[in-house]
Amino acid sequence: MEEKVSIIGIIVENNDSTDKLNELLHEYGSYIIGRMGIPYQKKDINVISIVLDAPVDVINTLSGKIGMLDGISSKVVCSKG
């Protein structure tokens, strides 16, 4: 299957779910190129971007699992080629 470079944008509104989020990211670590987390104290949230090079089904599976965590939402943007 074709691999694509993608970004998963994540917003964490429930810090109790961060352990589960980190477990997922560790599980898919072989596909992760880099990650950046920004705490936004004014709104008491964290904004995280994950850059991946992975098959599309892996990207969608990871994003779906992240989105099912309580108080965490995610969206994906994929490269065209």
PDB file of N, CA and C in Angstrom:
ATOM      1  N   MET A   1       0.843  -1.188   0.000  1.00  0.00           N
ATOM      2  CA  MET A   1       0.000   0.000   0.000  1.00  0.00           C
ATOM      3  C   MET A   1       0.884   1.246   0.000  1.00  0.00           C
ATOM      4  N   GLU A   2       0.410   2.261  -0.698  1.00  0.00           N
ATOM      5  CA  GLU A   2       1.158   3.511  -0.814  1.00  0.00           C
ATOM      6  C   GLU A   2       1.252   4.230   0.529  1.00  0.00           C
ATOM      7  N   GLU A   3       2.449   4.729   0.813  1.00  0.00           N
ATOM      8  CA  GLU A   3       2.648   5.520   2.033  1.00  0.00           C
ATOM      9  C   GLU A   3       2.526   6.997   1.702  1.00  0.00           C
ATOM     10  N   LYS A   4       1.991   7.738   2.651  1.00  0.00           N
ATOM     11  CA  LYS A   4       1.837   9.186   2.491  1.00  0.00           C
ATOM     12  C   LYS A   4       2.399   9.891   3.711  1.00  0.00           C
ATOM     13  N   VAL A   5       2.838  11.098   3.487  1.00  0.00           N
ATOM     14  CA  VAL A   5       3.219  11.965   4.604  1.00  0.00           C
ATOM     15  C   VAL A   5       1.951  12.670   5.053  1.00  0.00           C
ATOM     16  N   SER A   6       1.724  12.687   6.348  1.00  0.00           N
ATOM     17  CA  SER A   6       0.501  13.301   6.867  1.00  0.00           C
ATOM     18  C   SER A   6       0.773  13.984   8.189  1.00  0.00           C
ATOM     19  N   ILE A   7      -0.176  14.806   8.558  1.00  0.00           N
ATOM     20  CA  ILE A   7      -0.166  15.470   9.862  1.00  0.00           C
ATOM     21  C   ILE A   7      -1.467  15.110  10.556  1.00  0.00           C
ATOM     22  N   ILE A   8      -1.355  14.662  11.788  1.00  0.00           N
ATOM     23  CA  ILE A   8      -2.544  14.483  12.620  1.00  0.00           C
ATOM     24  C   ILE A   8      -2.544  15.633  13.619  1.00  0.00           C
ATOM     25  N   GLY A   9      -3.572  16.464  13.548  1.00  0.00           N
ATOM     26  CA  GLY A   9      -3.755  17.545  14.507  1.00  0.00           C
ATOM     27  C   GLY A   9      -4.607  17.046  15.654  1.00  0.00           C
ATOM     28  N   ILE A  10      -4.117  17.246  16.862  1.00  0.00           N
ATOM     29  CA  ILE A  10      -4.789  16.708  18.049  1.00  0.00           C
ATOM     30  C   ILE A  10      -5.038  17.840  19.044  1.00  0.00           C
ATOM     31  N   ILE A  11      -6.244  17.882  19.602  1.00  0.00           N
ATOM     32  CA  ILE A  11      -6.552  18.820  20.691  1.00  0.00           C
ATOM     33  C   ILE A  11      -6.955  17.999  21.901  1.00  0.00           C
ATOM     34  N   VAL A  12      -6.234  18.227  22.989  1.00  0.00           N
ATOM     35  CA  VAL A  12      -6.481  17.505  24.238  1.00  0.00           C
ATOM     36  C   VAL A  12      -7.189  18.444  25.207  1.00  0.00           C
ATOM     37  N   GLU A  13      -8.434  18.112  25.529  1.00  0.00           N
ATOM     38  CA  GLU A  13      -9.209  18.898  26.488  1.00  0.00           C
ATOM     39  C   GLU A  13      -9.358  18.178  27.825  1.00  0.00           C
ATOM     40  N   ASN A  14      -8.978  16.900  27.858  1.00  0.00           N
ATOM     41  CA  ASN A  14      -9.058  16.107  29.083  1.00  0.00           C
ATOM     42  C   ASN A  14      -7.683  15.499  29.345  1.00  0.00           C
ATOM     43  N   ASN A  15      -6.938  16.086  30.266  1.00  0.00           N
ATOM     44  CA  ASN A  15      -5.583  15.617  30.539  1.00  0.00           C
ATOM     45  C   ASN A  15      -5.542  14.215  31.139  1.00  0.00           C
ATOM     46  N   ASP A  16      -6.661  13.715  31.623  1.00  0.00           N
ATOM     47  CA  ASP A  16      -6.709  12.346  32.153  1.00  0.00           C
ATOM     48  C   ASP A  16      -6.503  11.307  31.049  1.00  0.00           C
ATOM     49  N   SER A  17      -6.670  11.701  29.801  1.00  0.00           N
ATOM     50  CA  SER A  17      -6.524  10.766  28.680  1.00  0.00           C
ATOM     51  C   SER A  17      -5.131  10.786  28.055  1.00  0.00           C
ATOM     52  N   THR A  18      -4.221  11.599  28.581  1.00  0.00           N
ATOM     53  CA  THR A  18      -2.909  11.727  27.941  1.00  0.00           C
ATOM     54  C   THR A  18      -2.072  10.456  28.040  1.00  0.00           C
ATOM     55  N   ASP A  19      -2.224   9.681  29.103  1.00  0.00           N
ATOM     56  CA  ASP A  19      -1.470   8.428  29.190  1.00  0.00           C
ATOM     57  C   ASP A  19      -1.865   7.479  28.064  1.00  0.00           C
ATOM     58  N   LYS A  20      -3.162   7.379  27.798  1.00  0.00           N
ATOM     59  CA  LYS A  20      -3.633   6.510  26.715  1.00  0.00           C
ATOM     60  C   LYS A  20      -3.173   7.036  25.353  1.00  0.00           C
ATOM     61  N   LEU A  21      -3.175   8.372  25.204  1.00  0.00           N
ATOM     62  CA  LEU A  21      -2.699   8.978  23.966  1.00  0.00           C
ATOM     63  C   LEU A  21      -1.223   8.647  23.752  1.00  0.00           C
ATOM     64  N   ASN A  22      -0.419   8.801  24.779  1.00  0.00           N
ATOM     65  CA  ASN A  22       1.006   8.512  24.654  1.00  0.00           C
ATOM     66  C   ASN A  22       1.271   7.035  24.371  1.00  0.00           C
ATOM     67  N   GLU A  23       0.457   6.147  24.920  1.00  0.00           N
ATOM     68  CA  GLU A  23       0.582   4.721  24.616  1.00  0.00           C
ATOM     69  C   GLU A  23       0.329   4.460  23.130  1.00  0.00           C
ATOM     70  N   LEU A  24      -0.701   5.102  22.591  1.00  0.00           N
ATOM     71  CA  LEU A  24      -0.995   4.948  21.161  1.00  0.00           C
ATOM     72  C   LEU A  24       0.150   5.477  20.304  1.00  0.00           C
ATOM     73  N   LEU A  25       0.659   6.641  20.655  1.00  0.00           N
ATOM     74  CA  LEU A  25       1.747   7.230  19.872  1.00  0.00           C
ATOM     75  C   LEU A  25       2.992   6.351  19.942  1.00  0.00           C
ATOM     76  N   HIS A  26       3.237   5.754  21.089  1.00  0.00           N
ATOM     77  CA  HIS A  26       4.374   4.838  21.217  1.00  0.00           C
ATOM     78  C   HIS A  26       4.168   3.597  20.342  1.00  0.00           C
ATOM     79  N   GLU A  27       2.935   3.096  20.316  1.00  0.00           N
ATOM     80  CA  GLU A  27       2.602   1.915  19.512  1.00  0.00           C
ATOM     81  C   GLU A  27       2.858   2.158  18.024  1.00  0.00           C
ATOM     82  N   TYR A  28       2.597   3.380  17.552  1.00  0.00           N
ATOM     83  CA  TYR A  28       2.769   3.728  16.145  1.00  0.00           C
ATOM     84  C   TYR A  28       4.058   4.509  15.908  1.00  0.00           C
ATOM     85  N   GLY A  29       4.964   4.455  16.846  1.00  0.00           N
ATOM     86  CA  GLY A  29       6.195   5.250  16.804  1.00  0.00           C
ATOM     87  C   GLY A  29       7.056   5.017  15.580  1.00  0.00           C
ATOM     88  N   SER A  30       7.027   3.839  15.008  1.00  0.00           N
ATOM     89  CA  SER A  30       7.865   3.566  13.840  1.00  0.00           C
ATOM     90  C   SER A  30       7.442   4.382  12.612  1.00  0.00           C
ATOM     91  N   TYR A  31       6.226   4.903  12.615  1.00  0.00           N
ATOM     92  CA  TYR A  31       5.733   5.721  11.506  1.00  0.00           C
ATOM     93  C   TYR A  31       5.888   7.222  11.764  1.00  0.00           C
ATOM     94  N   ILE A  32       6.186   7.611  12.989  1.00  0.00           N
ATOM     95  CA  ILE A  32       6.210   9.025  13.358  1.00  0.00           C
ATOM     96  C   ILE A  32       7.547   9.655  12.988  1.00  0.00           C
ATOM     97  N   ILE A  33       7.477  10.729  12.197  1.00  0.00           N
ATOM     98  CA  ILE A  33       8.660  11.498  11.827  1.00  0.00           C
ATOM     99  C   ILE A  33       8.988  12.489  12.941  1.00  0.00           C
ATOM    100  N   GLY A  34       7.959  13.118  13.487  1.00  0.00           N
ATOM    101  CA  GLY A  34       8.162  14.092  14.555  1.00  0.00           C
ATOM    102  C   GLY A  34       6.844  14.502  15.182  1.00  0.00           C
ATOM    103  N   ARG A  35       6.972  15.153  16.327  1.00  0.00           N
ATOM    104  CA  ARG A  35       5.767  15.631  17.011  1.00  0.00           C
ATOM    105  C   ARG A  35       6.088  16.922  17.733  1.00  0.00           C
ATOM    106  N   MET A  36       5.043  17.741  17.874  1.00  0.00           N
ATOM    107  CA  MET A  36       5.183  19.010  18.585  1.00  0.00           C
ATOM    108  C   MET A  36       3.945  19.195  19.448  1.00  0.00           C
ATOM    109  N   GLY A  37       4.150  19.514  20.693  1.00  0.00           N
ATOM    110  CA  GLY A  37       3.047  19.778  21.602  1.00  0.00           C
ATOM    111  C   GLY A  37       3.120  21.190  22.145  1.00  0.00           C
ATOM    112  N   ILE A  38       1.988  21.844  22.172  1.00  0.00           N
ATOM    113  CA  ILE A  38       1.913  23.221  22.661  1.00  0.00           C
ATOM    114  C   ILE A  38       0.835  23.306  23.729  1.00  0.00           C
ATOM    115  N   PRO A  39       1.216  23.560  24.976  1.00  0.00           N
ATOM    116  CA  PRO A  39       0.198  23.777  25.998  1.00  0.00           C
ATOM    117  C   PRO A  39      -0.380  25.188  25.845  1.00  0.00           C
ATOM    118  N   TYR A  40      -1.692  25.283  25.831  1.00  0.00           N
ATOM    119  CA  TYR A  40      -2.345  26.588  25.729  1.00  0.00           C
ATOM    120  C   TYR A  40      -3.079  26.818  27.043  1.00  0.00           C
ATOM    121  N   GLN A  41      -2.371  27.451  27.970  1.00  0.00           N
ATOM    122  CA  GLN A  41      -2.861  27.595  29.337  1.00  0.00           C
ATOM    123  C   GLN A  41      -4.113  28.454  29.441  1.00  0.00           C
ATOM    124  N   LYS A  42      -4.250  29.428  28.568  1.00  0.00           N
ATOM    125  CA  LYS A  42      -5.428  30.301  28.608  1.00  0.00           C
ATOM    126  C   LYS A  42      -6.724  29.506  28.480  1.00  0.00           C
ATOM    127  N   LYS A  43      -6.719  28.469  27.639  1.00  0.00           N
ATOM    128  CA  LYS A  43      -7.914  27.648  27.412  1.00  0.00           C
ATOM    129  C   LYS A  43      -7.835  26.299  28.129  1.00  0.00           C
ATOM    130  N   ASP A  44      -6.727  26.049  28.828  1.00  0.00           N
ATOM    131  CA  ASP A  44      -6.497  24.783  29.537  1.00  0.00           C
ATOM    132  C   ASP A  44      -6.622  23.581  28.597  1.00  0.00           C
ATOM    133  N   ILE A  45      -5.958  23.699  27.424  1.00  0.00           N
ATOM    134  CA  ILE A  45      -5.910  22.609  26.454  1.00  0.00           C
ATOM    135  C   ILE A  45      -4.467  22.422  25.988  1.00  0.00           C
ATOM    136  N   ASN A  46      -4.232  21.332  25.298  1.00  0.00           N
ATOM    137  CA  ASN A  46      -2.949  21.081  24.642  1.00  0.00           C
ATOM    138  C   ASN A  46      -3.206  20.823  23.177  1.00  0.00           C
ATOM    139  N   VAL A  47      -2.358  21.406  22.328  1.00  0.00           N
ATOM    140  CA  VAL A  47      -2.451  21.222  20.891  1.00  0.00           C
ATOM    141  C   VAL A  47      -1.208  20.451  20.460  1.00  0.00           C
ATOM    142  N   ILE A  48      -1.420  19.336  19.772  1.00  0.00           N
ATOM    143  CA  ILE A  48      -0.322  18.463  19.378  1.00  0.00           C
ATOM    144  C   ILE A  48      -0.407  18.210  17.883  1.00  0.00           C
ATOM    145  N   SER A  49       0.748  18.256  17.217  1.00  0.00           N
ATOM    146  CA  SER A  49       0.793  17.845  15.813  1.00  0.00           C
ATOM    147  C   SER A  49       1.761  16.676  15.691  1.00  0.00           C
ATOM    148  N   ILE A  50       1.328  15.666  14.969  1.00  0.00           N
ATOM    149  CA  ILE A  50       2.115  14.463  14.733  1.00  0.00           C
ATOM    150  C   ILE A  50       2.332  14.345  13.225  1.00  0.00           C
ATOM    151  N   VAL A  51       3.584  14.247  12.800  1.00  0.00           N
ATOM    152  CA  VAL A  51       3.897  14.071  11.381  1.00  0.00           C
ATOM    153  C   VAL A  51       4.271  12.607  11.165  1.00  0.00           C
ATOM    154  N   LEU A  52       3.597  11.984  10.189  1.00  0.00           N
ATOM    155  CA  LEU A  52       3.783  10.558   9.915  1.00  0.00           C
ATOM    156  C   LEU A  52       4.180  10.312   8.468  1.00  0.00           C
ATOM    157  N   ASP A  53       4.864   9.215   8.249  1.00  0.00           N
ATOM    158  CA  ASP A  53       5.067   8.664   6.911  1.00  0.00           C
ATOM    159  C   ASP A  53       4.588   7.226   7.013  1.00  0.00           C
ATOM    160  N   ALA A  54       3.373   6.964   6.520  1.00  0.00           N
ATOM    161  CA  ALA A  54       2.731   5.678   6.766  1.00  0.00           C
ATOM    162  C   ALA A  54       1.681   5.384   5.692  1.00  0.00           C
ATOM    163  N   PRO A  55       1.283   4.117   5.591  1.00  0.00           N
ATOM    164  CA  PRO A  55       0.150   3.785   4.718  1.00  0.00           C
ATOM    165  C   PRO A  55      -1.114   4.496   5.199  1.00  0.00           C
ATOM    166  N   VAL A  56      -1.982   4.814   4.263  1.00  0.00           N
ATOM    167  CA  VAL A  56      -3.193   5.565   4.581  1.00  0.00           C
ATOM    168  C   VAL A  56      -4.056   4.852   5.617  1.00  0.00           C
ATOM    169  N   ASP A  57      -4.151   3.523   5.536  1.00  0.00           N
ATOM    170  CA  ASP A  57      -4.978   2.819   6.513  1.00  0.00           C
ATOM    171  C   ASP A  57      -4.395   2.919   7.920  1.00  0.00           C
ATOM    172  N   VAL A  58      -3.076   2.955   8.051  1.00  0.00           N
ATOM    173  CA  VAL A  58      -2.441   3.128   9.364  1.00  0.00           C
ATOM    174  C   VAL A  58      -2.731   4.527   9.905  1.00  0.00           C
ATOM    175  N   ILE A  59      -2.620   5.520   9.034  1.00  0.00           N
ATOM    176  CA  ILE A  59      -2.892   6.912   9.432  1.00  0.00           C
ATOM    177  C   ILE A  59      -4.326   7.047   9.931  1.00  0.00           C
ATOM    178  N   ASN A  60      -5.272   6.514   9.154  1.00  0.00           N
ATOM    179  CA  ASN A  60      -6.680   6.625   9.532  1.00  0.00           C
ATOM    180  C   ASN A  60      -7.003   5.832  10.794  1.00  0.00           C
ATOM    181  N   THR A  61      -6.385   4.672  10.953  1.00  0.00           N
ATOM    182  CA  THR A  61      -6.612   3.867  12.151  1.00  0.00           C
ATOM    183  C   THR A  61      -6.115   4.606  13.393  1.00  0.00           C
ATOM    184  N   LEU A  62      -4.904   5.154  13.317  1.00  0.00           N
ATOM    185  CA  LEU A  62      -4.363   5.893  14.462  1.00  0.00           C
ATOM    186  C   LEU A  62      -5.228   7.100  14.790  1.00  0.00           C
ATOM    187  N   SER A  63      -5.601   7.866  13.793  1.00  0.00           N
ATOM    188  CA  SER A  63      -6.437   9.044  14.040  1.00  0.00           C
ATOM    189  C   SER A  63      -7.775   8.658  14.658  1.00  0.00           C
ATOM    190  N   GLY A  64      -8.365   7.570  14.166  1.00  0.00           N
ATOM    191  CA  GLY A  64      -9.636   7.103  14.724  1.00  0.00           C
ATOM    192  C   GLY A  64      -9.505   6.686  16.173  1.00  0.00           C
ATOM    193  N   LYS A  65      -8.431   5.963  16.492  1.00  0.00           N
ATOM    194  CA  LYS A  65      -8.211   5.545  17.883  1.00  0.00           C
ATOM    195  C   LYS A  65      -7.994   6.750  18.786  1.00  0.00           C
ATOM    196  N   ILE A  66      -7.266   7.747  18.283  1.00  0.00           N
ATOM    197  CA  ILE A  66      -7.042   8.973  19.068  1.00  0.00           C
ATOM    198  C   ILE A  66      -8.370   9.678  19.302  1.00  0.00           C
ATOM    199  N   GLY A  67      -9.179   9.797  18.263  1.00  0.00           N
ATOM    200  CA  GLY A  67     -10.458  10.488  18.361  1.00  0.00           C
ATOM    201  C   GLY A  67     -11.457   9.817  19.287  1.00  0.00           C
ATOM    202  N   MET A  68     -11.266   8.529  19.564  1.00  0.00           N
ATOM    203  CA  MET A  68     -12.168   7.817  20.470  1.00  0.00           C
ATOM    204  C   MET A  68     -11.800   8.028  21.946  1.00  0.00           C
ATOM    205  N   LEU A  69     -10.634   8.608  22.206  1.00  0.00           N
ATOM    206  CA  LEU A  69     -10.243   8.868  23.590  1.00  0.00           C
ATOM    207  C   LEU A  69     -11.090   9.999  24.161  1.00  0.00           C
ATOM    208  N   ASP A  70     -11.439   9.897  25.423  1.00  0.00           N
ATOM    209  CA  ASP A  70     -12.287  10.889  26.084  1.00  0.00           C
ATOM    210  C   ASP A  70     -11.603  12.251  26.132  1.00  0.00           C
ATOM    211  N   GLY A  71     -12.268  13.264  25.581  1.00  0.00           N
ATOM    212  CA  GLY A  71     -11.755  14.629  25.648  1.00  0.00           C
ATOM    213  C   GLY A  71     -10.629  14.928  24.688  1.00  0.00           C
ATOM    214  N   ILE A  72     -10.466  14.087  23.657  1.00  0.00           N
ATOM    215  CA  ILE A  72      -9.417  14.298  22.661  1.00  0.00           C
ATOM    216  C   ILE A  72     -10.042  14.216  21.272  1.00  0.00           C
ATOM    217  N   SER A  73      -9.700  15.180  20.426  1.00  0.00           N
ATOM    218  CA  SER A  73     -10.182  15.156  19.045  1.00  0.00           C
ATOM    219  C   SER A  73      -8.987  15.217  18.097  1.00  0.00           C
ATOM    220  N   SER A  74      -9.183  14.680  16.883  1.00  0.00           N
ATOM    221  CA  SER A  74      -8.078  14.658  15.911  1.00  0.00           C
ATOM    222  C   SER A  74      -8.613  14.802  14.493  1.00  0.00           C
ATOM    223  N   LYS A  75      -7.760  15.347  13.644  1.00  0.00           N
ATOM    224  CA  LYS A  75      -8.037  15.479  12.213  1.00  0.00           C
ATOM    225  C   LYS A  75      -6.756  15.195  11.452  1.00  0.00           C
ATOM    226  N   VAL A  76      -6.907  14.712  10.220  1.00  0.00           N
ATOM    227  CA  VAL A  76      -5.762  14.328   9.407  1.00  0.00           C
ATOM    228  C   VAL A  76      -5.697  15.175   8.135  1.00  0.00           C
ATOM    229  N   VAL A  77      -4.463  15.520   7.753  1.00  0.00           N
ATOM    230  CA  VAL A  77      -4.194  16.121   6.453  1.00  0.00           C
ATOM    231  C   VAL A  77      -3.107  15.264   5.818  1.00  0.00           C
ATOM    232  N   CYS A  78      -3.353  14.787   4.587  1.00  0.00           N
ATOM    233  CA  CYS A  78      -2.391  13.915   3.894  1.00  0.00           C
ATOM    234  C   CYS A  78      -1.806  14.610   2.666  1.00  0.00           C
ATOM    235  N   SER A  79      -0.579  14.220   2.341  1.00  0.00           N
ATOM    236  CA  SER A  79       0.043  14.697   1.107  1.00  0.00           C
ATOM    237  C   SER A  79      -0.708  14.106  -0.086  1.00  0.00           C
ATOM    238  N   LYS A  80      -0.604  14.768  -1.236  1.00  0.00           N
ATOM    239  CA  LYS A  80      -1.275  14.274  -2.437  1.00  0.00           C
ATOM    240  C   LYS A  80      -0.510  13.151  -3.094  1.00  0.00           C
ATOM    241  N   GLY A  81       0.790  13.113  -2.859  1.00  0.00           N
ATOM    242  CA  GLY A  81       1.588  12.096  -3.541  1.00  0.00           C
ATOM    243  C   GLY A  81       2.337  11.196  -2.633  1.00  0.00           C
TER     244      GLY A  81
END
